[in-house]
Every structure is written in C-alpha cells, then in structure tokens.
Protein backbone atom coordinates (compact mmCIF):
# COMPACT_ATOMS: atom_id res chain seq x y z
CA MET A 1 -11.91 -6.46 -52.01
CA GLY A 2 -12.11 -4.21 -55.43
CA THR A 3 -9.16 -2.90 -57.11
CA LYS A 4 -7.72 0.25 -56.04
CA VAL A 5 -8.37 3.16 -57.82
CA TRP A 6 -5.67 5.55 -57.88
CA ILE A 7 -6.42 9.06 -57.95
CA GLY A 8 -3.32 11.01 -57.83
CA LYS A 9 0.31 11.44 -56.16
CA TRP A 10 1.99 12.98 -53.22
CA THR A 11 5.28 13.61 -52.28
CA GLY A 12 5.85 10.40 -50.45
CA GLY A 13 3.85 7.91 -52.82
CA ARG A 14 0.40 7.58 -54.18
CA MET A 15 -3.43 8.14 -53.33
CA PHE A 16 -6.20 6.06 -53.75
CA ALA A 17 -9.78 6.39 -52.93
CA GLY A 18 -11.30 5.07 -49.80
CA LYS A 19 -14.60 4.01 -49.30
CA ASP A 20 -15.97 7.26 -48.02
CA GLY A 21 -14.41 8.83 -51.04
CA ARG A 22 -11.70 10.47 -49.19
CA PRO A 23 -7.92 9.94 -50.26
CA VAL A 24 -5.87 7.30 -48.53
CA TYR A 25 -2.27 8.20 -48.84
CA VAL A 26 0.20 5.30 -49.55
CA LEU A 27 3.99 5.77 -48.55
CA ARG A 28 5.96 3.93 -51.03
CA LYS A 29 9.78 4.49 -50.76
CA MET A 30 12.93 2.68 -51.28
CA ILE A 31 15.58 2.76 -48.37
CA ASN A 32 18.98 1.15 -48.24
CA GLY A 33 17.51 -1.47 -50.90
CA ARG A 34 14.44 -1.83 -49.21
CA ASN A 35 11.09 -1.24 -50.79
CA TYR A 36 8.62 0.41 -48.15
CA THR A 37 4.90 0.39 -48.84
CA ILE A 38 2.60 1.80 -45.92
CA HIS A 39 -0.86 2.99 -45.86
CA LEU A 40 -0.98 5.83 -43.62
CA ASP A 41 -3.59 7.07 -40.96
CA ALA A 42 -3.28 10.73 -42.69
CA ARG A 43 -6.52 12.86 -43.57
CA SER A 44 -4.94 15.45 -45.56
CA GLU A 45 -1.68 15.83 -47.40
CA ALA A 46 -0.05 17.91 -44.95
CA GLU A 47 -0.54 15.21 -42.14
CA ALA A 48 1.20 12.68 -44.70
CA GLU A 49 4.06 14.96 -45.21
CA ALA A 50 4.48 15.04 -41.58
CA GLU A 51 4.47 11.31 -41.32
CA LEU A 52 6.84 10.84 -44.22
CA ALA A 53 9.33 13.45 -42.33
CA LEU A 54 9.01 10.71 -39.10
CA PHE A 55 9.48 7.65 -41.68
CA VAL A 56 12.57 9.11 -43.08
CA ARG A 57 14.08 9.76 -39.71
CA ASP A 58 13.87 6.12 -38.57
CA PRO A 59 12.42 3.84 -41.34
CA GLU A 60 12.71 0.52 -39.58
CA GLY A 61 11.10 2.00 -36.28
CA TYR A 62 8.44 3.68 -38.07
CA ARG A 63 4.83 3.09 -36.93
CA THR A 64 1.63 4.47 -37.82
CA ARG A 65 -0.49 6.69 -35.81
CA GLY A 66 -3.03 3.63 -35.37
CA GLU A 67 0.03 1.34 -34.69
CA ALA A 68 1.51 3.55 -32.45
CA GLN A 69 -1.73 4.11 -30.24
CA LYS A 70 -2.09 0.24 -29.92
CA ILE A 71 1.15 -0.29 -28.72
CA LYS A 72 0.59 2.16 -26.52
CA ASN A 73 -2.51 0.87 -24.96
CA GLU A 74 -1.07 -2.55 -24.94
CA SER A 75 1.68 -1.50 -22.39
CA ALA A 76 -0.41 1.02 -20.65
CA VAL A 77 -0.02 0.83 -16.52
CA PHE A 78 -3.40 0.73 -14.71
CA MET A 79 -4.09 0.83 -11.25
CA ASP A 80 -6.41 -2.22 -11.07
CA ALA A 81 -7.22 -4.93 -8.95
CA PRO A 82 -4.74 -7.45 -10.31
CA ALA A 83 -1.87 -5.15 -9.74
CA VAL A 84 -3.15 -4.23 -6.35
CA VAL A 85 -3.34 -7.77 -5.21
CA ARG A 86 0.28 -8.48 -6.77
CA TYR A 87 1.22 -5.45 -4.62
CA LEU A 88 -0.35 -6.59 -1.44
CA GLU A 89 1.39 -10.26 -1.87
CA HIS A 90 4.74 -8.57 -2.35
CA MET A 91 4.38 -6.70 1.02
CA ARG A 92 3.32 -9.71 2.68
CA SER A 93 6.47 -11.52 1.35
CA LYS A 94 8.43 -8.97 2.65
CA GLY A 95 7.20 -9.45 6.40
CA THR A 96 4.47 -6.83 6.38
CA THR A 97 1.58 -7.69 8.77
CA GLU A 98 -1.73 -8.44 7.60
CA ARG A 99 -3.51 -5.65 9.17
CA TYR A 100 -1.13 -3.17 7.62
CA ALA A 101 -1.25 -4.64 4.28
CA LYS A 102 -5.16 -4.42 4.38
CA ASN A 103 -4.84 -0.90 5.58
CA VAL A 104 -2.91 -0.08 2.55
CA GLY A 105 -5.29 -2.05 0.45
CA PHE A 106 -8.03 0.21 1.39
CA TYR A 107 -6.50 3.39 0.33
CA LEU A 108 -5.20 1.90 -3.00
CA ALA A 109 -8.93 1.04 -3.60
CA GLY A 110 -9.59 4.59 -3.26
CA TRP A 111 -6.93 5.55 -5.75
CA ALA A 112 -7.94 2.89 -8.02
CA ALA A 113 -11.70 4.18 -8.30
CA GLY A 114 -10.22 7.73 -9.08
CA LEU A 115 -7.87 6.91 -11.45
CA ALA A 116 -9.75 4.18 -12.90
CA GLY A 117 -8.97 3.54 -16.75
CA ARG A 118 -5.92 6.16 -16.36
CA ASP A 119 -2.77 5.00 -17.70
CA LEU A 120 -0.49 5.92 -14.59
CA ARG A 121 2.34 6.99 -17.38
CA THR A 122 -0.14 9.91 -18.14
CA VAL A 123 -1.71 11.10 -15.20
CA THR A 124 0.08 14.24 -13.48
CA LEU A 125 0.94 15.87 -10.04
CA GLN A 126 -2.21 17.98 -10.60
CA ASP A 127 -4.62 14.82 -11.36
CA LEU A 128 -3.27 13.28 -7.95
CA LEU A 129 -3.67 16.45 -6.03
CA ARG A 130 -7.31 16.85 -7.69
CA GLU A 131 -8.05 13.20 -6.52
CA LEU A 132 -6.39 13.93 -2.97
CA LYS A 133 -9.05 17.00 -2.48
CA LYS A 134 -12.10 14.54 -2.53
CA HIS A 135 -10.95 12.71 0.83
CA LYS A 136 -11.05 14.89 3.71
CA THR A 137 -9.14 12.37 6.13
CA ALA A 138 -6.16 10.25 6.20
CA ARG A 139 -4.03 12.60 3.60
CA LYS A 140 -0.78 11.13 4.77
CA ASN A 141 -1.74 7.56 4.73
CA ARG A 142 -3.37 8.13 1.18
CA ILE A 143 -0.05 9.41 -0.08
CA THR A 144 2.17 6.86 1.56
CA ALA A 145 0.04 3.87 -0.13
CA LEU A 146 0.27 5.48 -3.55
CA LYS A 147 3.97 6.40 -3.55
CA SER A 148 4.96 3.27 -2.00
CA PHE A 149 3.05 1.17 -4.73
CA CYS A 150 4.24 3.35 -7.54
CA ALA A 151 7.76 2.88 -6.14
CA TRP A 152 6.87 -1.12 -6.62
CA LEU A 153 5.94 -0.38 -10.38
CA ARG A 154 9.29 1.30 -10.92
CA GLU A 155 11.75 -1.01 -8.77
CA VAL A 156 10.31 -4.43 -9.09
CA GLU A 157 7.92 -4.72 -12.02
CA GLY A 158 9.68 -2.06 -14.07
CA ALA A 159 6.40 -0.83 -15.55
CA LEU A 160 7.05 3.00 -14.76
CA THR A 161 10.24 5.18 -15.36
CA THR A 162 10.92 8.22 -12.47
CA GLY A 163 9.85 10.65 -15.53
CA GLU A 164 6.23 8.89 -15.91
CA ASP A 165 5.75 8.68 -12.17
CA ALA A 166 3.78 11.54 -10.72
CA SER A 167 3.61 10.43 -7.43
CA ILE A 168 7.45 11.16 -7.17
CA SER A 169 6.35 14.95 -6.65
CA LEU A 170 3.59 14.24 -4.04
CA LYS A 171 4.77 15.25 -0.96
CA ILE A 172 4.06 13.23 2.31
CA PRO A 173 2.56 15.91 5.40
CA VAL A 174 5.03 16.27 8.26
CA ALA A 175 3.27 15.13 11.39
CA ARG A 176 3.59 17.22 14.52
CA PRO A 177 5.03 15.74 17.35
CA GLU A 178 2.34 13.90 19.78
CA LYS A 179 3.98 15.73 22.92
CA SER A 180 3.63 19.10 21.24
CA VAL A 181 -0.23 18.62 21.17
CA ARG A 182 -0.86 16.92 24.09
CA GLU A 183 0.81 15.16 27.08
CA LYS A 184 1.58 11.40 26.05
CA GLY A 185 0.33 8.39 27.32
CA TYR A 186 -0.82 7.85 31.00
CA SER A 187 0.45 8.49 34.37
CA ILE A 188 1.95 5.17 36.28
CA GLU A 189 -0.79 5.84 39.01
CA THR A 190 -3.49 5.59 36.41
CA ILE A 191 -1.76 2.40 34.58
CA GLU A 192 -1.47 0.85 38.07
CA ARG A 193 -5.20 1.55 38.87
CA LEU A 194 -6.07 0.19 35.60
CA TYR A 195 -4.29 -2.61 35.91
CA SER A 196 -5.59 -3.54 39.28
CA ALA A 197 -9.24 -2.98 38.10
CA ILE A 198 -8.82 -5.79 35.63
CA THR A 199 -10.89 -8.84 36.61
CA GLY A 200 -12.51 -11.53 34.56
CA TRP A 201 -16.43 -11.89 34.63
CA GLU A 202 -18.52 -15.23 33.90
CA PHE A 203 -20.92 -15.57 30.96
CA SER A 204 -22.85 -18.30 29.27
CA ASN A 205 -23.69 -19.13 25.86
CA PHE A 206 -27.66 -18.50 25.04
CA ASN A 207 -28.04 -18.50 29.38
CA ARG A 208 -27.31 -22.50 28.79
CA GLU A 209 -25.33 -23.29 32.30
CA GLU A 210 -23.36 -25.84 30.65
CA THR A 211 -21.50 -23.52 28.87
CA ARG A 212 -20.66 -21.16 31.46
CA GLN A 213 -17.03 -20.07 31.84
CA ARG A 214 -14.92 -17.17 33.15
CA THR A 215 -13.35 -14.56 30.30
CA ASP A 216 -9.41 -14.85 30.26
CA VAL A 217 -8.15 -11.50 31.24
CA GLN A 218 -4.74 -12.39 32.44
CA CYS A 219 -3.60 -11.92 28.81
CA VAL A 220 -4.87 -8.58 28.74
CA ARG A 221 -2.89 -7.90 31.98
CA ASP A 222 0.30 -9.33 30.35
CA VAL A 223 -0.20 -7.05 27.23
CA LEU A 224 -0.79 -3.98 29.49
CA CYS A 225 2.25 -4.40 31.53
CA ILE A 226 4.61 -5.10 28.46
CA HIS A 227 3.07 -2.20 26.91
CA ALA A 228 3.47 0.02 30.09
CA LYS A 229 6.94 -0.86 30.83
CA THR A 230 8.65 -1.38 27.71
CA GLY A 231 6.93 0.76 25.29
CA MET A 232 6.27 -1.90 22.64
CA HIS A 233 3.71 -1.25 20.08
CA GLY A 234 0.61 -3.70 19.97
CA THR A 235 2.24 -5.28 16.54
CA GLU A 236 5.60 -5.98 18.13
CA ILE A 237 3.62 -7.73 21.34
CA GLU A 238 1.82 -9.83 18.81
CA ARG A 239 4.81 -10.85 17.05
CA LEU A 240 6.87 -11.60 20.28
CA ALA A 241 3.74 -13.56 21.70
CA ARG A 242 4.00 -16.06 18.66
CA GLY A 243 7.66 -16.60 19.38
CA GLU A 244 9.00 -14.02 16.88
CA GLY A 245 11.56 -13.00 19.36
CA THR A 246 14.28 -14.01 21.83
CA LEU A 247 14.28 -14.31 25.65
CA SER A 248 17.40 -14.42 27.44
CA VAL A 249 16.98 -14.85 31.03
CA VAL A 250 19.57 -13.33 33.67
CA ALA A 251 20.29 -15.45 36.52
CA GLU A 252 20.54 -12.96 39.30
CA GLY A 253 20.15 -8.88 39.56
CA GLU A 254 17.58 -6.41 39.10
CA ILE A 255 17.52 -7.25 35.28
CA ALA A 256 15.46 -10.43 35.03
CA ALA A 257 15.93 -11.01 31.01
CA THR A 258 16.86 -9.12 27.87
CA MET A 259 14.42 -9.54 24.72
CA THR A 260 15.50 -9.08 21.17
CA PHE A 261 12.58 -8.39 18.62
CA ILE A 262 11.84 -6.90 15.40
CA HIS A 263 10.89 -3.35 15.76
CA LYS A 264 8.13 -1.70 13.67
CA SER A 265 11.38 0.00 11.58
CA GLY A 266 12.61 -3.11 10.68
CA GLN A 267 15.33 -2.94 12.84
CA VAL A 268 16.52 -5.67 15.39
CA HIS A 269 15.95 -4.12 18.94
CA ARG A 270 17.22 -5.60 22.25
CA GLN A 271 15.82 -4.47 25.63
CA SER A 272 16.39 -5.35 29.30
CA ILE A 273 13.33 -6.16 31.11
CA ASP A 274 12.16 -6.94 34.96
CA ARG A 275 10.87 -10.03 36.74
CA GLN A 276 7.38 -9.06 36.45
CA THR A 277 7.42 -8.18 32.46
CA LEU A 278 9.57 -11.59 31.95
CA GLY A 279 6.68 -13.42 33.45
CA ALA A 280 4.22 -11.72 31.26
CA VAL A 281 6.36 -12.38 28.02
CA GLN A 282 6.52 -15.94 28.98
CA ARG A 283 2.82 -16.45 29.62
CA LEU A 284 1.92 -15.04 26.11
CA GLN A 285 4.48 -17.06 24.57
CA ALA A 286 3.04 -20.19 26.12
CA ARG A 287 -0.28 -19.22 25.12
CA GLY A 288 0.99 -18.73 21.62
CA ALA A 289 -0.80 -15.45 20.62
CA ALA A 290 -1.58 -12.22 22.12
CA PRO A 291 -5.38 -11.43 22.74
CA VAL A 292 -7.03 -9.89 19.76
CA GLU A 293 -7.50 -6.33 19.88
CA SER A 294 -11.40 -6.20 20.36
CA HIS A 295 -10.76 -8.65 23.17
CA ILE A 296 -8.45 -5.73 24.78
CA ARG A 297 -10.76 -3.12 24.24
CA ARG A 298 -13.39 -4.85 25.53
CA VAL A 299 -11.71 -5.77 29.13
CA VAL A 300 -9.97 -2.17 29.35
CA ARG A 301 -13.28 -0.52 28.81
CA ARG A 302 -14.84 -2.61 31.57
CA ALA A 303 -12.21 -1.71 33.92
CA CYS A 304 -12.44 1.75 33.46
CA LYS A 305 -15.76 1.84 33.89
CA GLY A 306 -14.92 0.30 37.26
CA ILE A 307 -12.91 2.86 38.25
CA ARG A 308 -14.38 5.66 36.56
CA CYS A 309 -11.76 7.12 34.41
CA MET A 310 -11.35 8.08 31.14
CA SER A 311 -11.27 5.13 28.51
CA PRO A 312 -7.79 5.04 27.14
CA VAL A 313 -7.46 4.32 23.20
CA TRP A 314 -5.50 0.77 22.74
CA SER A 315 -3.05 1.90 19.91
CA SER A 316 -1.29 -0.62 18.07
C-alpha cells in the first residue's frame, strides 16, 4: 500500500486523496485522554462534519455508516424457511395438532414469498396490507398466522420489539356467527337416516379374490354418533380416540359416563354422555385412533347417495 498523500485539513481532522482522486476524510480527535483515528464514509465535507457531530455525542459508541449498516444487516430479522421451521416446531411442542401446524405453515410460506429479503423490522403496515391484497381468500387465516409468528419472534426469540412489529396493527376480520348466515347443522332426522344408511362394502385389490375384504364403517358410525350427540370437533374426537381423555363410567341412571378432554380452546372440558355414545367412545379407544378424514368422507358420501340427501361436509 502506498504512502497516503495528505491534501488538506477539515474541522475534524485531515484528508488524503483516495484511489479515485476524491478526498478521504479522516477523523482525528483526543477525547478524555484517548486518541481516535477513524476513516469516515463521507462523500463531502458537509457529510464529514455531520459524522463528527455524531462522534462527539458518543465517541465509544460511534460507528461509521458502513459499520452501522453491517451491524444492521447482521441483526436483520427475516421470515425465511429456517425461522418458519423453528416456529412450527415451537407450535408442536405446545401441543398443536400436525394438521393445524401444516395449515399455518402454508400461510406463512405465502408471507415469506411476499416478504423475501425484507427485514421485518423495517416492514410497514402498508407493506403488509399490499401483500394481503394479492390473496383473494383466507384473509383471516393469513393474518392470524402472521401475527402468531411475529408474536413468537417478540416473546420467544426476542428478535423483534413491539415498535418494530407492524403485524400488531393488523386487524383480524370478525367472522359473522354461522347461525346468522344459515341454519347450523342438520336435523336429528337427517342424522338418523344417514346413520342407518352407513354400511360397509366389499372390495379386493387388483380383482384378486384372496384380497377380498369388507370396509370397516363402524368406526365412522362411532365418530358420527359422538359428533352428533356431543358437538365435539373432529380433532377433539381424534385425541379422545388416542386415549388423550378420561372416561368415568356411571353404574346406574340415564347418564352412562362422563368424559374429560381438552377442548380446542385448550381448556379442560367435562361432558356427560349416554350409553350409545359411551359404546362409541370405548370402541374408538380400543381401536386406538379415529378413522382418517378421507375415509369418513368416502363412507358418508356413499351413504348420502343411498338416501339421496344433500352430502354434508365433515368439519373438524
């Protein structure tokens, strides 16, 4: 490296000629007995004097613009694949179902694509609203997923502050009560007709007679019974079938048992059931699992065709 050619002085120190011929401003000061020599990123004397003012205010904490930008880049908060994976693992550790975690991951992937390369600390509410406008459906789910992810960044990872988190200002749309839109559910008569119409059917693999077997539909009947008589959601029935619930059988009376399970809200819920529902619960628990949703839909669809009724939508 050649010897610097000093070309003059400025308020905060001296200048030398850079490779491109432009002056390089060097800040040289003694503060509290300590000598400081700092090469500034200033492009003019006015910028150099502005940097000098920042230095005088906090000599030990002063960083040149290049150093400050490097620190900012190193501490940037991105919604990238590693961050989303860590958040989904956090959700699962708190007992979130795999299906719900996958749904949240789907919506976060959409946000990650739209905010790729953006430091979340600099993203504004208007940026988020513009991204939302690109999607015509599931606005509530998209907002909920983003707000939950950012809350995790604030409260668990400590990567965001409330002042940096624009998602706090996003408002979750208020859903209209279902009963104000349509009659909720189906009549008991329709449920009974459907329940009676559920029957198994024989099938074989590749038309080979030795593989012939009959479809197990009792598990579907049991799920339908529990759902209709208790109002439990599909995910709650799944957990109950896996043994994540307690049955207390009553010896006599109209109430056959009480069951205790975790409601979808996370609260412990206790409910009394009759003997038909008790039998359904016991069979599912002996089975070890509720039937998968695709099997329930297939069985119910066949039953609906048999009684020529409107095909209900199984909802978890």
